[in-house]
Amino acid sequence: MKIGIALGSGAARGWAHIGVIQALEKLGVKIDVVSGCSIGAYVGAAYASGRLEELKAWASSLTEWQTLSLMGIGIRRGGLASGQKVFDKLS
């Protein structure tokens, strides 16, 4: 049986996905497939690329203001948040 996990949106609250994945791993649950939207996509990408600890350390170091600034709020770009700063970090 394969196990998949779908990670949702939620801006800064989405960092909680890191803890969920780590708790599942600690319980011995092997995640075979990961998907996500918004912040869940970033966390899922970090997990799939083996960089979850790096993302956790970086996210833990952010101040509240830095976390808010990551969203790149601006309607002119075709959406409310571009997420470009987080994407750049994962690149």
PDB file of N, CA and C in Angstrom:
ATOM      1  N   MET A   1       0.843  -1.173   0.000  1.00  0.00           N
ATOM      2  CA  MET A   1       0.000   0.000   0.000  1.00  0.00           C
ATOM      3  C   MET A   1       0.892   1.242   0.000  1.00  0.00           C
ATOM      4  N   LYS A   2       0.529   2.208  -0.824  1.00  0.00           N
ATOM      5  CA  LYS A   2       1.264   3.468  -0.861  1.00  0.00           C
ATOM      6  C   LYS A   2       0.511   4.518  -0.058  1.00  0.00           C
ATOM      7  N   ILE A   3       1.283   5.384   0.587  1.00  0.00           N
ATOM      8  CA  ILE A   3       0.714   6.455   1.401  1.00  0.00           C
ATOM      9  C   ILE A   3       0.991   7.784   0.712  1.00  0.00           C
ATOM     10  N   GLY A   4      -0.058   8.593   0.567  1.00  0.00           N
ATOM     11  CA  GLY A   4       0.086   9.933   0.018  1.00  0.00           C
ATOM     12  C   GLY A   4      -0.353  10.957   1.040  1.00  0.00           C
ATOM     13  N   ILE A   5       0.187  12.147   0.937  1.00  0.00           N
ATOM     14  CA  ILE A   5      -0.188  13.226   1.839  1.00  0.00           C
ATOM     15  C   ILE A   5      -0.456  14.470   1.005  1.00  0.00           C
ATOM     16  N   ALA A   6      -1.559  15.150   1.311  1.00  0.00           N
ATOM     17  CA  ALA A   6      -1.918  16.392   0.629  1.00  0.00           C
ATOM     18  C   ALA A   6      -1.781  17.529   1.634  1.00  0.00           C
ATOM     19  N   LEU A   7      -0.944  18.491   1.312  1.00  0.00           N
ATOM     20  CA  LEU A   7      -0.663  19.610   2.208  1.00  0.00           C
ATOM     21  C   LEU A   7      -1.390  20.849   1.693  1.00  0.00           C
ATOM     22  N   GLY A   8      -2.105  21.515   2.558  1.00  0.00           N
ATOM     23  CA  GLY A   8      -2.943  22.632   2.153  1.00  0.00           C
ATOM     24  C   GLY A   8      -2.295  23.992   2.299  1.00  0.00           C
ATOM     25  N   SER A   9      -3.109  24.985   2.028  1.00  0.00           N
ATOM     26  CA  SER A   9      -2.663  26.377   2.118  1.00  0.00           C
ATOM     27  C   SER A   9      -2.825  26.871   3.553  1.00  0.00           C
ATOM     28  N   GLY A  10      -2.539  28.118   3.775  1.00  0.00           N
ATOM     29  CA  GLY A  10      -2.718  28.667   5.111  1.00  0.00           C
ATOM     30  C   GLY A  10      -1.637  29.637   5.520  1.00  0.00           C
ATOM     31  N   ALA A  11      -0.907  30.154   4.544  1.00  0.00           N
ATOM     32  CA  ALA A  11       0.146  31.147   4.811  1.00  0.00           C
ATOM     33  C   ALA A  11       1.107  30.625   5.878  1.00  0.00           C
ATOM     34  N   ALA A  12       1.407  31.439   6.866  1.00  0.00           N
ATOM     35  CA  ALA A  12       2.407  31.073   7.872  1.00  0.00           C
ATOM     36  C   ALA A  12       1.986  29.846   8.682  1.00  0.00           C
ATOM     37  N   ARG A  13       0.679  29.604   8.803  1.00  0.00           N
ATOM     38  CA  ARG A  13       0.217  28.406   9.531  1.00  0.00           C
ATOM     39  C   ARG A  13       0.663  27.133   8.821  1.00  0.00           C
ATOM     40  N   GLY A  14       0.970  27.246   7.548  1.00  0.00           N
ATOM     41  CA  GLY A  14       1.391  26.093   6.771  1.00  0.00           C
ATOM     42  C   GLY A  14       2.713  25.497   7.205  1.00  0.00           C
ATOM     43  N   TRP A  15       3.504  26.259   7.966  1.00  0.00           N
ATOM     44  CA  TRP A  15       4.763  25.705   8.471  1.00  0.00           C
ATOM     45  C   TRP A  15       4.479  24.504   9.363  1.00  0.00           C
ATOM     46  N   ALA A  16       3.265  24.392   9.894  1.00  0.00           N
ATOM     47  CA  ALA A  16       2.905  23.245  10.740  1.00  0.00           C
ATOM     48  C   ALA A  16       2.998  21.929   9.972  1.00  0.00           C
ATOM     49  N   HIS A  17       2.909  21.992   8.639  1.00  0.00           N
ATOM     50  CA  HIS A  17       3.051  20.776   7.829  1.00  0.00           C
ATOM     51  C   HIS A  17       4.395  20.096   8.089  1.00  0.00           C
ATOM     52  N   ILE A  18       5.415  20.884   8.375  1.00  0.00           N
ATOM     53  CA  ILE A  18       6.740  20.315   8.650  1.00  0.00           C
ATOM     54  C   ILE A  18       6.657  19.380   9.853  1.00  0.00           C
ATOM     55  N   GLY A  19       6.010  19.841  10.902  1.00  0.00           N
ATOM     56  CA  GLY A  19       5.856  19.025  12.103  1.00  0.00           C
ATOM     57  C   GLY A  19       5.022  17.779  11.867  1.00  0.00           C
ATOM     58  N   VAL A  20       3.994  17.903  11.049  1.00  0.00           N
ATOM     59  CA  VAL A  20       3.154  16.744  10.730  1.00  0.00           C
ATOM     60  C   VAL A  20       3.974  15.678  10.009  1.00  0.00           C
ATOM     61  N   ILE A  21       4.745  16.095   9.010  1.00  0.00           N
ATOM     62  CA  ILE A  21       5.577  15.143   8.267  1.00  0.00           C
ATOM     63  C   ILE A  21       6.590  14.489   9.196  1.00  0.00           C
ATOM     64  N   GLN A  22       7.214  15.278  10.052  1.00  0.00           N
ATOM     65  CA  GLN A  22       8.211  14.718  10.966  1.00  0.00           C
ATOM     66  C   GLN A  22       7.574  13.750  11.957  1.00  0.00           C
ATOM     67  N   ALA A  23       6.360  14.049  12.419  1.00  0.00           N
ATOM     68  CA  ALA A  23       5.666  13.144  13.340  1.00  0.00           C
ATOM     69  C   ALA A  23       5.324  11.829  12.644  1.00  0.00           C
ATOM     70  N   LEU A  24       4.881  11.909  11.394  1.00  0.00           N
ATOM     71  CA  LEU A  24       4.583  10.686  10.644  1.00  0.00           C
ATOM     72  C   LEU A  24       5.838   9.843  10.458  1.00  0.00           C
ATOM     73  N   GLU A  25       6.945  10.500  10.127  1.00  0.00           N
ATOM     74  CA  GLU A  25       8.207   9.767   9.970  1.00  0.00           C
ATOM     75  C   GLU A  25       8.616   9.097  11.277  1.00  0.00           C
ATOM     76  N   LYS A  26       8.442   9.810  12.388  1.00  0.00           N
ATOM     77  CA  LYS A  26       8.810   9.267  13.696  1.00  0.00           C
ATOM     78  C   LYS A  26       7.973   8.027  14.029  1.00  0.00           C
ATOM     79  N   LEU A  27       6.739   8.007  13.543  1.00  0.00           N
ATOM     80  CA  LEU A  27       5.861   6.855  13.757  1.00  0.00           C
ATOM     81  C   LEU A  27       6.137   5.725  12.770  1.00  0.00           C
ATOM     82  N   GLY A  28       7.067   5.959  11.859  1.00  0.00           N
ATOM     83  CA  GLY A  28       7.421   4.934  10.888  1.00  0.00           C
ATOM     84  C   GLY A  28       6.562   4.921   9.640  1.00  0.00           C
ATOM     85  N   VAL A  29       5.765   5.968   9.441  1.00  0.00           N
ATOM     86  CA  VAL A  29       4.919   6.061   8.251  1.00  0.00           C
ATOM     87  C   VAL A  29       5.778   6.554   7.090  1.00  0.00           C
ATOM     88  N   LYS A  30       5.847   5.748   6.031  1.00  0.00           N
ATOM     89  CA  LYS A  30       6.622   6.113   4.848  1.00  0.00           C
ATOM     90  C   LYS A  30       5.695   6.816   3.868  1.00  0.00           C
ATOM     91  N   ILE A  31       5.992   8.065   3.565  1.00  0.00           N
ATOM     92  CA  ILE A  31       5.185   8.840   2.623  1.00  0.00           C
ATOM     93  C   ILE A  31       5.735   8.594   1.219  1.00  0.00           C
ATOM     94  N   ASP A  32       4.883   8.059   0.351  1.00  0.00           N
ATOM     95  CA  ASP A  32       5.297   7.736  -1.014  1.00  0.00           C
ATOM     96  C   ASP A  32       4.993   8.855  -2.005  1.00  0.00           C
ATOM     97  N   VAL A  33       3.911   9.574  -1.765  1.00  0.00           N
ATOM     98  CA  VAL A  33       3.463  10.615  -2.685  1.00  0.00           C
ATOM     99  C   VAL A  33       3.114  11.852  -1.878  1.00  0.00           C
ATOM    100  N   VAL A  34       3.532  13.014  -2.358  1.00  0.00           N
ATOM    101  CA  VAL A  34       3.225  14.261  -1.673  1.00  0.00           C
ATOM    102  C   VAL A  34       2.696  15.270  -2.683  1.00  0.00           C
ATOM    103  N   SER A  35       1.669  16.005  -2.276  1.00  0.00           N
ATOM    104  CA  SER A  35       1.149  17.092  -3.098  1.00  0.00           C
ATOM    105  C   SER A  35       0.791  18.238  -2.169  1.00  0.00           C
ATOM    106  N   GLY A  36       0.648  19.408  -2.725  1.00  0.00           N
ATOM    107  CA  GLY A  36       0.299  20.541  -1.894  1.00  0.00           C
ATOM    108  C   GLY A  36      -0.064  21.758  -2.713  1.00  0.00           C
ATOM    109  N   CYS A  37      -0.713  22.688  -2.049  1.00  0.00           N
ATOM    110  CA  CYS A  37      -1.011  23.968  -2.679  1.00  0.00           C
ATOM    111  C   CYS A  37      -0.513  25.069  -1.753  1.00  0.00           C
ATOM    112  N   SER A  38      -0.119  26.174  -2.351  1.00  0.00           N
ATOM    113  CA  SER A  38       0.360  27.332  -1.610  1.00  0.00           C
ATOM    114  C   SER A  38       1.538  26.920  -0.716  1.00  0.00           C
ATOM    115  N   ILE A  39       1.482  27.231   0.568  1.00  0.00           N
ATOM    116  CA  ILE A  39       2.603  26.907   1.457  1.00  0.00           C
ATOM    117  C   ILE A  39       2.801  25.393   1.531  1.00  0.00           C
ATOM    118  N   GLY A  40       1.727  24.631   1.382  1.00  0.00           N
ATOM    119  CA  GLY A  40       1.842  23.179   1.378  1.00  0.00           C
ATOM    120  C   GLY A  40       2.680  22.664   0.220  1.00  0.00           C
ATOM    121  N   ALA A  41       2.638  23.374  -0.906  1.00  0.00           N
ATOM    122  CA  ALA A  41       3.465  22.989  -2.053  1.00  0.00           C
ATOM    123  C   ALA A  41       4.940  23.225  -1.758  1.00  0.00           C
ATOM    124  N   TYR A  42       5.250  24.313  -1.070  1.00  0.00           N
ATOM    125  CA  TYR A  42       6.647  24.595  -0.711  1.00  0.00           C
ATOM    126  C   TYR A  42       7.181  23.549   0.262  1.00  0.00           C
ATOM    127  N   VAL A  43       6.376  23.240   1.280  1.00  0.00           N
ATOM    128  CA  VAL A  43       6.800  22.235   2.260  1.00  0.00           C
ATOM    129  C   VAL A  43       6.918  20.869   1.581  1.00  0.00           C
ATOM    130  N   GLY A  44       5.962  20.541   0.732  1.00  0.00           N
ATOM    131  CA  GLY A  44       6.015  19.276   0.010  1.00  0.00           C
ATOM    132  C   GLY A  44       7.232  19.168  -0.885  1.00  0.00           C
ATOM    133  N   ALA A  45       7.571  20.269  -1.551  1.00  0.00           N
ATOM    134  CA  ALA A  45       8.756  20.273  -2.415  1.00  0.00           C
ATOM    135  C   ALA A  45      10.027  20.079  -1.598  1.00  0.00           C
ATOM    136  N   ALA A  46      10.093  20.727  -0.438  1.00  0.00           N
ATOM    137  CA  ALA A  46      11.267  20.574   0.425  1.00  0.00           C
ATOM    138  C   ALA A  46      11.375  19.132   0.913  1.00  0.00           C
ATOM    139  N   TYR A  47      10.247  18.542   1.275  1.00  0.00           N
ATOM    140  CA  TYR A  47      10.258  17.146   1.724  1.00  0.00           C
ATOM    141  C   TYR A  47      10.705  16.220   0.597  1.00  0.00           C
ATOM    142  N   ALA A  48      10.112  16.391  -0.571  1.00  0.00           N
ATOM    143  CA  ALA A  48      10.419  15.513  -1.704  1.00  0.00           C
ATOM    144  C   ALA A  48      11.872  15.630  -2.154  1.00  0.00           C
ATOM    145  N   SER A  49      12.468  16.809  -1.950  1.00  0.00           N
ATOM    146  CA  SER A  49      13.858  17.012  -2.369  1.00  0.00           C
ATOM    147  C   SER A  49      14.858  16.737  -1.248  1.00  0.00           C
ATOM    148  N   GLY A  50      14.351  16.286  -0.085  1.00  0.00           N
ATOM    149  CA  GLY A  50      15.245  15.972   1.026  1.00  0.00           C
ATOM    150  C   GLY A  50      15.771  17.189   1.764  1.00  0.00           C
ATOM    151  N   ARG A  51      15.063  18.312   1.646  1.00  0.00           N
ATOM    152  CA  ARG A  51      15.536  19.549   2.266  1.00  0.00           C
ATOM    153  C   ARG A  51      14.586  20.061   3.355  1.00  0.00           C
ATOM    154  N   LEU A  52      13.812  19.163   3.959  1.00  0.00           N
ATOM    155  CA  LEU A  52      12.834  19.574   4.962  1.00  0.00           C
ATOM    156  C   LEU A  52      13.503  20.201   6.180  1.00  0.00           C
ATOM    157  N   GLU A  53      14.591  19.614   6.656  1.00  0.00           N
ATOM    158  CA  GLU A  53      15.295  20.174   7.824  1.00  0.00           C
ATOM    159  C   GLU A  53      15.827  21.574   7.527  1.00  0.00           C
ATOM    160  N   GLU A  54      16.341  21.761   6.319  1.00  0.00           N
ATOM    161  CA  GLU A  54      16.847  23.081   5.921  1.00  0.00           C
ATOM    162  C   GLU A  54      15.710  24.104   5.918  1.00  0.00           C
ATOM    163  N   LEU A  55      14.551  23.720   5.367  1.00  0.00           N
ATOM    164  CA  LEU A  55      13.400  24.621   5.349  1.00  0.00           C
ATOM    165  C   LEU A  55      12.932  24.912   6.766  1.00  0.00           C
ATOM    166  N   LYS A  56      12.912  23.892   7.627  1.00  0.00           N
ATOM    167  CA  LYS A  56      12.484  24.084   9.017  1.00  0.00           C
ATOM    168  C   LYS A  56      13.401  25.061   9.742  1.00  0.00           C
ATOM    169  N   ALA A  57      14.704  24.903   9.572  1.00  0.00           N
ATOM    170  CA  ALA A  57      15.659  25.807  10.226  1.00  0.00           C
ATOM    171  C   ALA A  57      15.475  27.233   9.730  1.00  0.00           C
ATOM    172  N   TRP A  58      15.291  27.383   8.423  1.00  0.00           N
ATOM    173  CA  TRP A  58      15.117  28.716   7.853  1.00  0.00           C
ATOM    174  C   TRP A  58      13.814  29.338   8.340  1.00  0.00           C
ATOM    175  N   ALA A  59      12.704  28.576   8.285  1.00  0.00           N
ATOM    176  CA  ALA A  59      11.406  29.097   8.708  1.00  0.00           C
ATOM    177  C   ALA A  59      11.414  29.453  10.192  1.00  0.00           C
ATOM    178  N   SER A  60      12.108  28.665  10.996  1.00  0.00           N
ATOM    179  CA  SER A  60      12.178  28.920  12.442  1.00  0.00           C
ATOM    180  C   SER A  60      12.958  30.182  12.771  1.00  0.00           C
ATOM    181  N   SER A  61      13.825  30.595  11.866  1.00  0.00           N
ATOM    182  CA  SER A  61      14.647  31.779  12.125  1.00  0.00           C
ATOM    183  C   SER A  61      13.944  33.079  11.756  1.00  0.00           C
ATOM    184  N   LEU A  62      12.798  32.999  11.094  1.00  0.00           N
ATOM    185  CA  LEU A  62      12.121  34.196  10.610  1.00  0.00           C
ATOM    186  C   LEU A  62      11.368  34.910  11.724  1.00  0.00           C
ATOM    187  N   THR A  63      11.401  36.231  11.681  1.00  0.00           N
ATOM    188  CA  THR A  63      10.562  37.019  12.578  1.00  0.00           C
ATOM    189  C   THR A  63       9.148  37.054  11.998  1.00  0.00           C
ATOM    190  N   GLU A  64       8.196  37.531  12.780  1.00  0.00           N
ATOM    191  CA  GLU A  64       6.821  37.633  12.286  1.00  0.00           C
ATOM    192  C   GLU A  64       6.763  38.531  11.046  1.00  0.00           C
ATOM    193  N   TRP A  65       7.477  39.639  11.083  1.00  0.00           N
ATOM    194  CA  TRP A  65       7.488  40.562   9.947  1.00  0.00           C
ATOM    195  C   TRP A  65       8.089  39.890   8.707  1.00  0.00           C
ATOM    196  N   GLN A  66       9.162  39.159   8.881  1.00  0.00           N
ATOM    197  CA  GLN A  66       9.782  38.466   7.746  1.00  0.00           C
ATOM    198  C   GLN A  66       8.834  37.421   7.158  1.00  0.00           C
ATOM    199  N   THR A  67       8.117  36.733   8.029  1.00  0.00           N
ATOM    200  CA  THR A  67       7.154  35.743   7.557  1.00  0.00           C
ATOM    201  C   THR A  67       6.075  36.405   6.713  1.00  0.00           C
ATOM    202  N   LEU A  68       5.555  37.536   7.180  1.00  0.00           N
ATOM    203  CA  LEU A  68       4.534  38.257   6.419  1.00  0.00           C
ATOM    204  C   LEU A  68       5.080  38.770   5.096  1.00  0.00           C
ATOM    205  N   SER A  69       6.325  39.218   5.088  1.00  0.00           N
ATOM    206  CA  SER A  69       6.895  39.768   3.856  1.00  0.00           C
ATOM    207  C   SER A  69       7.122  38.687   2.801  1.00  0.00           C
ATOM    208  N   LEU A  70       7.197  37.429   3.206  1.00  0.00           N
ATOM    209  CA  LEU A  70       7.383  36.335   2.245  1.00  0.00           C
ATOM    210  C   LEU A  70       6.191  36.171   1.315  1.00  0.00           C
ATOM    211  N   MET A  71       5.038  36.612   1.761  1.00  0.00           N
ATOM    212  CA  MET A  71       3.834  36.409   0.973  1.00  0.00           C
ATOM    213  C   MET A  71       3.827  37.226  -0.308  1.00  0.00           C
ATOM    214  N   GLY A  72       4.580  38.296  -0.380  1.00  0.00           N
ATOM    215  CA  GLY A  72       4.621  39.095  -1.596  1.00  0.00           C
ATOM    216  C   GLY A  72       3.247  39.590  -2.008  1.00  0.00           C
ATOM    217  N   ILE A  73       2.514  40.152  -1.062  1.00  0.00           N
ATOM    218  CA  ILE A  73       1.150  40.603  -1.323  1.00  0.00           C
ATOM    219  C   ILE A  73       1.140  41.658  -2.428  1.00  0.00           C
ATOM    220  N   GLY A  74       0.265  41.495  -3.400  1.00  0.00           N
ATOM    221  CA  GLY A  74       0.116  42.466  -4.475  1.00  0.00           C
ATOM    222  C   GLY A  74      -0.816  41.952  -5.552  1.00  0.00           C
ATOM    223  N   ILE A  75      -1.896  42.638  -5.778  1.00  0.00           N
ATOM    224  CA  ILE A  75      -2.909  42.194  -6.729  1.00  0.00           C
ATOM    225  C   ILE A  75      -2.437  42.345  -8.176  1.00  0.00           C
ATOM    226  N   ARG A  76      -1.531  43.231  -8.456  1.00  0.00           N
ATOM    227  CA  ARG A  76      -1.103  43.485  -9.833  1.00  0.00           C
ATOM    228  C   ARG A  76      -0.478  42.264 -10.498  1.00  0.00           C
ATOM    229  N   ARG A  77       0.000  41.317  -9.753  1.00  0.00           N
ATOM    230  CA  ARG A  77       0.685  40.156 -10.331  1.00  0.00           C
ATOM    231  C   ARG A  77      -0.270  39.021 -10.697  1.00  0.00           C
ATOM    232  N   GLY A  78      -1.557  39.250 -10.624  1.00  0.00           N
ATOM    233  CA  GLY A  78      -2.507  38.212 -10.996  1.00  0.00           C
ATOM    234  C   GLY A  78      -2.964  37.351  -9.833  1.00  0.00           C
ATOM    235  N   GLY A  79      -2.576  37.695  -8.624  1.00  0.00           N
ATOM    236  CA  GLY A  79      -2.989  36.949  -7.441  1.00  0.00           C
ATOM    237  C   GLY A  79      -2.654  37.753  -6.204  1.00  0.00           C
ATOM    238  N   LEU A  80      -3.077  37.276  -5.061  1.00  0.00           N
ATOM    239  CA  LEU A  80      -2.808  38.001  -3.827  1.00  0.00           C
ATOM    240  C   LEU A  80      -1.394  37.799  -3.326  1.00  0.00           C
ATOM    241  N   ALA A  81      -0.822  36.640  -3.567  1.00  0.00           N
ATOM    242  CA  ALA A  81       0.526  36.352  -3.070  1.00  0.00           C
ATOM    243  C   ALA A  81       1.311  35.590  -4.129  1.00  0.00           C
ATOM    244  N   SER A  82       2.502  36.070  -4.412  1.00  0.00           N
ATOM    245  CA  SER A  82       3.323  35.406  -5.430  1.00  0.00           C
ATOM    246  C   SER A  82       4.139  34.259  -4.848  1.00  0.00           C
ATOM    247  N   GLY A  83       4.582  34.398  -3.600  1.00  0.00           N
ATOM    248  CA  GLY A  83       5.412  33.366  -2.985  1.00  0.00           C
ATOM    249  C   GLY A  83       6.811  33.290  -3.566  1.00  0.00           C
ATOM    250  N   GLN A  84       7.207  34.281  -4.340  1.00  0.00           N
ATOM    251  CA  GLN A  84       8.493  34.246  -5.040  1.00  0.00           C
ATOM    252  C   GLN A  84       9.672  34.127  -4.072  1.00  0.00           C
ATOM    253  N   LYS A  85       9.602  34.789  -2.917  1.00  0.00           N
ATOM    254  CA  LYS A  85      10.725  34.738  -1.975  1.00  0.00           C
ATOM    255  C   LYS A  85      10.934  33.323  -1.437  1.00  0.00           C
ATOM    256  N   VAL A  86       9.856  32.616  -1.156  1.00  0.00           N
ATOM    257  CA  VAL A  86       9.985  31.236  -0.683  1.00  0.00           C
ATOM    258  C   VAL A  86      10.498  30.358  -1.820  1.00  0.00           C
ATOM    259  N   PHE A  87       9.978  30.568  -3.029  1.00  0.00           N
ATOM    260  CA  PHE A  87      10.442  29.807  -4.191  1.00  0.00           C
ATOM    261  C   PHE A  87      11.936  30.009  -4.400  1.00  0.00           C
ATOM    262  N   ASP A  88      12.388  31.260  -4.279  1.00  0.00           N
ATOM    263  CA  ASP A  88      13.818  31.550  -4.436  1.00  0.00           C
ATOM    264  C   ASP A  88      14.645  30.796  -3.400  1.00  0.00           C
ATOM    265  N   LYS A  89      14.144  30.702  -2.171  1.00  0.00           N
ATOM    266  CA  LYS A  89      14.858  29.996  -1.107  1.00  0.00           C
ATOM    267  C   LYS A  89      14.980  28.510  -1.428  1.00  0.00           C
ATOM    268  N   LEU A  90      13.938  27.932  -2.016  1.00  0.00           N
ATOM    269  CA  LEU A  90      13.957  26.509  -2.331  1.00  0.00           C
ATOM    270  C   LEU A  90      14.777  26.191  -3.570  1.00  0.00           C
ATOM    271  N   SER A  91      15.037  27.196  -4.380  1.00  0.00           N
ATOM    272  CA  SER A  91      15.788  26.961  -5.631  1.00  0.00           C
ATOM    273  C   SER A  91      17.241  26.673  -5.384  1.00  0.00           C
TER     274      SER A  91
END
